[in-house]
Amino acid sequence: MMDFVGTMANAPPPGYASPHDLALALRVLDELSLRIVSTDPATLRDYPGHAALVRPRSTEDVVRIVTVANAFRVPLVPWGGGTSLEGQVAGYEGRSICVDMSGMDQILEIHEDDGDLVCQAGATWDGINETLRAKGVPLFFPLDPGPGATIGGMIATGCSGTNAVRYGTARGEWFLNVTVVLPDASVIKTRRRARKSAAGFDLTRLFVGAEGTLGIVTEATLRLAPVLPTRVALAQFADVDGAVGAVQAVLNSPWGAHLQCVELMDDNSQYAPRVVREDPRTLIHVYACAVIRALNASSSPSAANYPALDTLLFKLQGPPAFICATASHIRATVAAHGCTHFQFAQSEEAAARMWAERKHALGAARAWVPGARGVGTDVCVPPSNLPRLVGETKRDLARAGITTSIVGHVGDGNFHAMLYYKNEEERKAVQEAAGRLVERAWSLGGTCTGEHGVGTGKKAYLEAELGEGTVALMRAVKKAVDPKGIMNPGKNSRRR
């Protein structure tokens, strides 16, 4: 199973609610919020480190919750889909209230002609796309982190996903505005619904990547993109250097504009067995991929047995003629970089099946090493430095004797490593290796986190990466917006 940061190592700073005041605050909430409060120990096992759980259904419910928390100085931790990896939803043992936004999952407005929609923060990206498909709306929301991730959580962590090559990240203009309940319980909307605006500060982006430390997002307006035909191509290589080198050659060609996704699965990740798809709400996130084994096990007439090699999956997007021409160029390019096997999905159904196995093999890594725990980490470098980063990391982990699987969104220089351990000695070795990975990414002009965010897991690296002055400014913003420190304390830029 994967590591998950449950409780904070340090107690909350002096001034937070005493146990008596916390109990009083919960009593008030229970009266004001139509019994949306739970302190049931069995329920709280799924929300580690929290004293209580609240499940709001509306912005008005969140206002009530924040009003009481502010009055009693009770820490609040927003919870979206529970898929974050760096401890963003960790609680203070026995003191914090977890605000589970999953009940606020409605699509409120769809503006097909304008290419946008308005939804509550608990709506999931995949649920939104399923709804649009069912309604016959030829649009989709292209940001695609792990299944079950909510819009609020995606905003909080500044997420991206496999589509980042074509559509970028949450820090682009996919969120036109957000409605936020601030720490003093006031409600703001960051801007109007117009596609562009030059009015004032870009406050929408202030909340992207803030990890709930500045307020609780309750609604958002999302920009949508047209649904285009897609196909998938698979290329296998004898070594990972050849695979990542081929990606850059394709992206830097005129045909790179037709790529929607480029995913890497290293040779180790191919050993992960196929698993039954699980409820994504019970999973944190997993990076090993079961694509090859899944294809091998498929009953489809097109199924074939593929060796466990470093593998690229390309998703191509556009009119059929452009897709076919791009596939031909990819075939020639990967062959020049040592590709040993290439397959192009000829039908939409075959492409969808191949990609679905990639997106839903969430339990594969946990099942790969029985009895082991896994630490998942991500870094990102300028794409031209990715071959060196991946190669050096694999050699480093091999020298350390650490079992690992590496996959990545290699089109934008982002890759993930799952590091496994079975005892305390191995855990320490894994943590040290994760630290070396961050330093290696820095030396290549990269970042300690491409899409997972900071939380508690990467907080120690923030000042070294951004600089003392930059982090001081972040802390000043936090102090100005949340002087009592009740919003997700101890995360992101906070010292404690």
Foldseek 3Di string as FASTA:
>chain_A
DADEAAADPDADDPPAADLVLQVVLLVQLCVVQVNQKDQDPVVCVLQGQARIEGEHQALVSVLSNLQSCLVRVFFEQEDALLQFAQNLRHYHHNTHYYYYHLNQAAFDADDLVQQKTKGWQNHWQVNQQVVCVVVVRQKGFQFDDAPRGTNQNQQQQQFGHQQCLAPNTSLPCQWVWWWWQFSNSDIDIQDDPDSDDPPDDNVSNVNRQNSFLGTGTTMTMGGIGGHFQKWKKKWFAQDVLLVLVLLVVLCPDPLVNFWRGKKKWALLLCLQAADDFDDCSSHRFADRAPLQNCLCPDPDPPRDHDHSHIMMMTMGGDPPVSNVVSLVVSVVSSVVSGTPDMDIDPDSVSRVVSVVRGNRRGCRVVVNDPQKYKRKFKKFAALVCLSVLVVVLVVVCVVLVWDWIKMARSNRRMIMIITIDNDDVSVVSVVVSLVVSQVVRVVRVIHRHDGSHWFPNNQVCVCVRPHPVVLVVVVVSSCVRNVSSNTSPPTDSHPD
